[in-house]
Amino acid sequence: MVTRVHPTIPLDVVEATWLVKYPERMVSSAELIGLQALALAKHVKHVEEMRQRVSREKIQRMLQLKSEL
């Protein structure tokens, strides 16, 4: 990269990709909707946790920079 900084991903990529375990069989429309609702609910939770973690990290780094000046 140009900045020589390696990006970090503050989440589990495998879990984010497969938020729910789909059965190894054909599912009905109702079951599929239920699985998608579970994945969506879990996604919202992960995004909120990530947002809070990034906000805390920004504040911590800002205070660290301020104390170094």
N, C-alpha and C. Protein backbone atom coordinates (compact mmCIF):
# COMPACT_ATOMS: atom_id res chain seq x y z
N MET A 1 0.84 -1.18 0.00
CA MET A 1 0.00 0.00 0.00
C MET A 1 0.88 1.25 0.00
N VAL A 2 0.32 2.33 -0.37
CA VAL A 2 1.05 3.59 -0.43
C VAL A 2 1.47 4.05 0.96
N THR A 3 0.62 3.88 1.95
CA THR A 3 0.92 4.35 3.30
C THR A 3 1.72 3.35 4.12
N ARG A 4 1.97 2.18 3.56
CA ARG A 4 2.69 1.10 4.24
C ARG A 4 1.98 0.65 5.52
N VAL A 5 0.70 0.83 5.56
CA VAL A 5 -0.11 0.40 6.69
C VAL A 5 -0.99 -0.74 6.22
N HIS A 6 -1.00 -1.83 6.96
CA HIS A 6 -1.85 -2.96 6.60
C HIS A 6 -3.24 -2.76 7.19
N PRO A 7 -4.26 -2.92 6.37
CA PRO A 7 -5.62 -2.74 6.89
C PRO A 7 -5.99 -3.84 7.86
N THR A 8 -6.77 -3.50 8.85
CA THR A 8 -7.29 -4.49 9.77
C THR A 8 -8.80 -4.52 9.65
N ILE A 9 -9.35 -5.69 9.72
CA ILE A 9 -10.80 -5.84 9.62
C ILE A 9 -11.31 -6.16 11.02
N PRO A 10 -12.09 -5.25 11.63
CA PRO A 10 -12.54 -5.46 13.01
C PRO A 10 -13.73 -6.39 13.15
N LEU A 11 -13.71 -7.50 12.41
CA LEU A 11 -14.79 -8.45 12.53
C LEU A 11 -14.32 -9.80 12.02
N ASP A 12 -15.03 -10.82 12.32
CA ASP A 12 -14.73 -12.16 11.86
C ASP A 12 -15.27 -12.31 10.45
N VAL A 13 -14.38 -12.40 9.45
CA VAL A 13 -14.79 -12.44 8.06
C VAL A 13 -15.65 -13.66 7.77
N VAL A 14 -15.26 -14.81 8.32
CA VAL A 14 -16.03 -16.03 8.08
C VAL A 14 -17.43 -15.89 8.65
N GLU A 15 -17.54 -15.39 9.86
CA GLU A 15 -18.87 -15.24 10.47
C GLU A 15 -19.69 -14.19 9.73
N ALA A 16 -19.06 -13.11 9.29
CA ALA A 16 -19.79 -12.08 8.57
C ALA A 16 -20.27 -12.59 7.22
N THR A 17 -19.50 -13.47 6.59
CA THR A 17 -19.89 -14.02 5.31
C THR A 17 -21.03 -15.02 5.47
N TRP A 18 -20.96 -15.84 6.50
CA TRP A 18 -21.97 -16.87 6.74
C TRP A 18 -22.62 -16.61 8.09
N LEU A 19 -23.51 -15.64 8.15
CA LEU A 19 -24.10 -15.24 9.42
C LEU A 19 -25.01 -16.31 10.02
N VAL A 20 -25.57 -17.16 9.20
CA VAL A 20 -26.38 -18.27 9.69
C VAL A 20 -25.98 -19.52 8.91
N LYS A 21 -26.17 -20.65 9.54
CA LYS A 21 -25.85 -21.91 8.85
C LYS A 21 -27.10 -22.39 8.13
N TYR A 22 -27.00 -22.46 6.81
CA TYR A 22 -28.12 -22.93 6.01
C TYR A 22 -28.12 -24.45 6.01
N PRO A 23 -29.29 -25.05 6.05
CA PRO A 23 -29.37 -26.52 6.06
C PRO A 23 -28.92 -27.09 4.72
N GLU A 24 -28.53 -28.35 4.74
CA GLU A 24 -28.04 -29.04 3.55
C GLU A 24 -29.20 -29.64 2.75
N ARG A 25 -30.34 -29.01 2.80
CA ARG A 25 -31.51 -29.50 2.09
C ARG A 25 -32.29 -28.32 1.55
N MET A 26 -33.25 -28.61 0.72
CA MET A 26 -34.12 -27.55 0.21
C MET A 26 -34.97 -27.03 1.38
N VAL A 27 -35.14 -25.73 1.43
CA VAL A 27 -35.94 -25.15 2.49
C VAL A 27 -37.17 -24.47 1.89
N SER A 28 -38.19 -24.35 2.70
CA SER A 28 -39.41 -23.67 2.23
C SER A 28 -39.17 -22.16 2.21
N SER A 29 -40.04 -21.46 1.56
CA SER A 29 -39.94 -20.00 1.52
C SER A 29 -39.98 -19.40 2.91
N ALA A 30 -40.83 -19.94 3.78
CA ALA A 30 -40.94 -19.43 5.15
C ALA A 30 -39.63 -19.65 5.91
N GLU A 31 -39.03 -20.84 5.74
CA GLU A 31 -37.74 -21.10 6.41
C GLU A 31 -36.65 -20.18 5.88
N LEU A 32 -36.64 -19.96 4.57
CA LEU A 32 -35.63 -19.08 3.97
C LEU A 32 -35.78 -17.66 4.48
N ILE A 33 -37.00 -17.19 4.56
CA ILE A 33 -37.25 -15.84 5.09
C ILE A 33 -36.77 -15.76 6.54
N GLY A 34 -37.05 -16.80 7.32
CA GLY A 34 -36.59 -16.82 8.71
C GLY A 34 -35.08 -16.80 8.82
N LEU A 35 -34.39 -17.57 7.98
CA LEU A 35 -32.92 -17.58 8.00
C LEU A 35 -32.36 -16.22 7.59
N GLN A 36 -32.95 -15.61 6.59
CA GLN A 36 -32.50 -14.29 6.16
C GLN A 36 -32.75 -13.23 7.22
N ALA A 37 -33.86 -13.35 7.94
CA ALA A 37 -34.14 -12.42 9.04
C ALA A 37 -33.10 -12.57 10.15
N LEU A 38 -32.73 -13.81 10.46
CA LEU A 38 -31.68 -14.03 11.47
C LEU A 38 -30.36 -13.42 11.03
N ALA A 39 -29.99 -13.62 9.76
CA ALA A 39 -28.74 -13.06 9.24
C ALA A 39 -28.77 -11.54 9.29
N LEU A 40 -29.88 -10.95 8.93
CA LEU A 40 -30.01 -9.49 8.96
C LEU A 40 -29.91 -8.96 10.38
N ALA A 41 -30.56 -9.62 11.32
CA ALA A 41 -30.49 -9.19 12.72
C ALA A 41 -29.06 -9.29 13.24
N LYS A 42 -28.37 -10.35 12.89
CA LYS A 42 -26.99 -10.52 13.33
C LYS A 42 -26.09 -9.48 12.68
N HIS A 43 -26.36 -9.17 11.40
CA HIS A 43 -25.57 -8.17 10.69
C HIS A 43 -25.68 -6.81 11.37
N VAL A 44 -26.88 -6.41 11.72
CA VAL A 44 -27.10 -5.12 12.39
C VAL A 44 -26.32 -5.07 13.70
N LYS A 45 -26.33 -6.18 14.45
CA LYS A 45 -25.60 -6.25 15.71
C LYS A 45 -24.11 -6.07 15.48
N HIS A 46 -23.57 -6.75 14.46
CA HIS A 46 -22.14 -6.65 14.17
C HIS A 46 -21.75 -5.24 13.73
N VAL A 47 -22.57 -4.62 12.91
CA VAL A 47 -22.27 -3.27 12.44
C VAL A 47 -22.27 -2.29 13.62
N GLU A 48 -23.22 -2.43 14.52
CA GLU A 48 -23.27 -1.54 15.69
C GLU A 48 -22.06 -1.75 16.59
N GLU A 49 -21.68 -3.00 16.83
CA GLU A 49 -20.48 -3.28 17.64
C GLU A 49 -19.24 -2.69 16.99
N MET A 50 -19.13 -2.82 15.67
CA MET A 50 -17.99 -2.28 14.95
C MET A 50 -17.95 -0.76 15.06
N ARG A 51 -19.11 -0.13 14.91
CA ARG A 51 -19.18 1.34 15.00
C ARG A 51 -18.73 1.82 16.37
N GLN A 52 -19.18 1.15 17.42
CA GLN A 52 -18.80 1.53 18.77
C GLN A 52 -17.30 1.32 19.01
N ARG A 53 -16.77 0.21 18.51
CA ARG A 53 -15.34 -0.08 18.69
C ARG A 53 -14.48 0.95 17.96
N VAL A 54 -14.88 1.33 16.74
CA VAL A 54 -14.13 2.33 15.97
C VAL A 54 -14.21 3.69 16.67
N SER A 55 -15.37 4.04 17.19
CA SER A 55 -15.52 5.32 17.91
C SER A 55 -14.62 5.37 19.14
N ARG A 56 -14.59 4.27 19.91
CA ARG A 56 -13.71 4.24 21.09
C ARG A 56 -12.24 4.37 20.69
N GLU A 57 -11.87 3.68 19.61
CA GLU A 57 -10.48 3.72 19.14
C GLU A 57 -10.11 5.13 18.68
N LYS A 58 -11.02 5.81 17.98
CA LYS A 58 -10.73 7.18 17.52
C LYS A 58 -10.51 8.10 18.71
N ILE A 59 -11.37 8.00 19.72
CA ILE A 59 -11.23 8.85 20.90
C ILE A 59 -9.92 8.55 21.63
N GLN A 60 -9.60 7.28 21.79
CA GLN A 60 -8.36 6.89 22.46
C GLN A 60 -7.14 7.43 21.72
N ARG A 61 -7.12 7.32 20.41
CA ARG A 61 -5.98 7.82 19.63
C ARG A 61 -5.90 9.34 19.66
N MET A 62 -7.05 10.01 19.66
CA MET A 62 -7.04 11.46 19.74
C MET A 62 -6.46 11.92 21.07
N LEU A 63 -6.86 11.26 22.16
CA LEU A 63 -6.32 11.62 23.48
C LEU A 63 -4.82 11.32 23.56
N GLN A 64 -4.40 10.23 22.93
CA GLN A 64 -2.98 9.89 22.91
C GLN A 64 -2.19 10.96 22.15
N LEU A 65 -2.68 11.36 21.00
CA LEU A 65 -2.01 12.43 20.23
C LEU A 65 -1.97 13.73 21.02
N LYS A 66 -3.06 14.06 21.67
CA LYS A 66 -3.14 15.29 22.46
C LYS A 66 -2.12 15.27 23.59
N SER A 67 -1.94 14.13 24.24
CA SER A 67 -0.99 14.06 25.33
C SER A 67 0.46 14.10 24.85
N GLU A 68 0.69 13.68 23.61
CA GLU A 68 2.05 13.73 23.06
C GLU A 68 2.46 15.11 22.64
N LEU A 69 1.51 15.99 22.39
CA LEU A 69 1.82 17.36 21.95
C LEU A 69 2.22 18.24 23.04
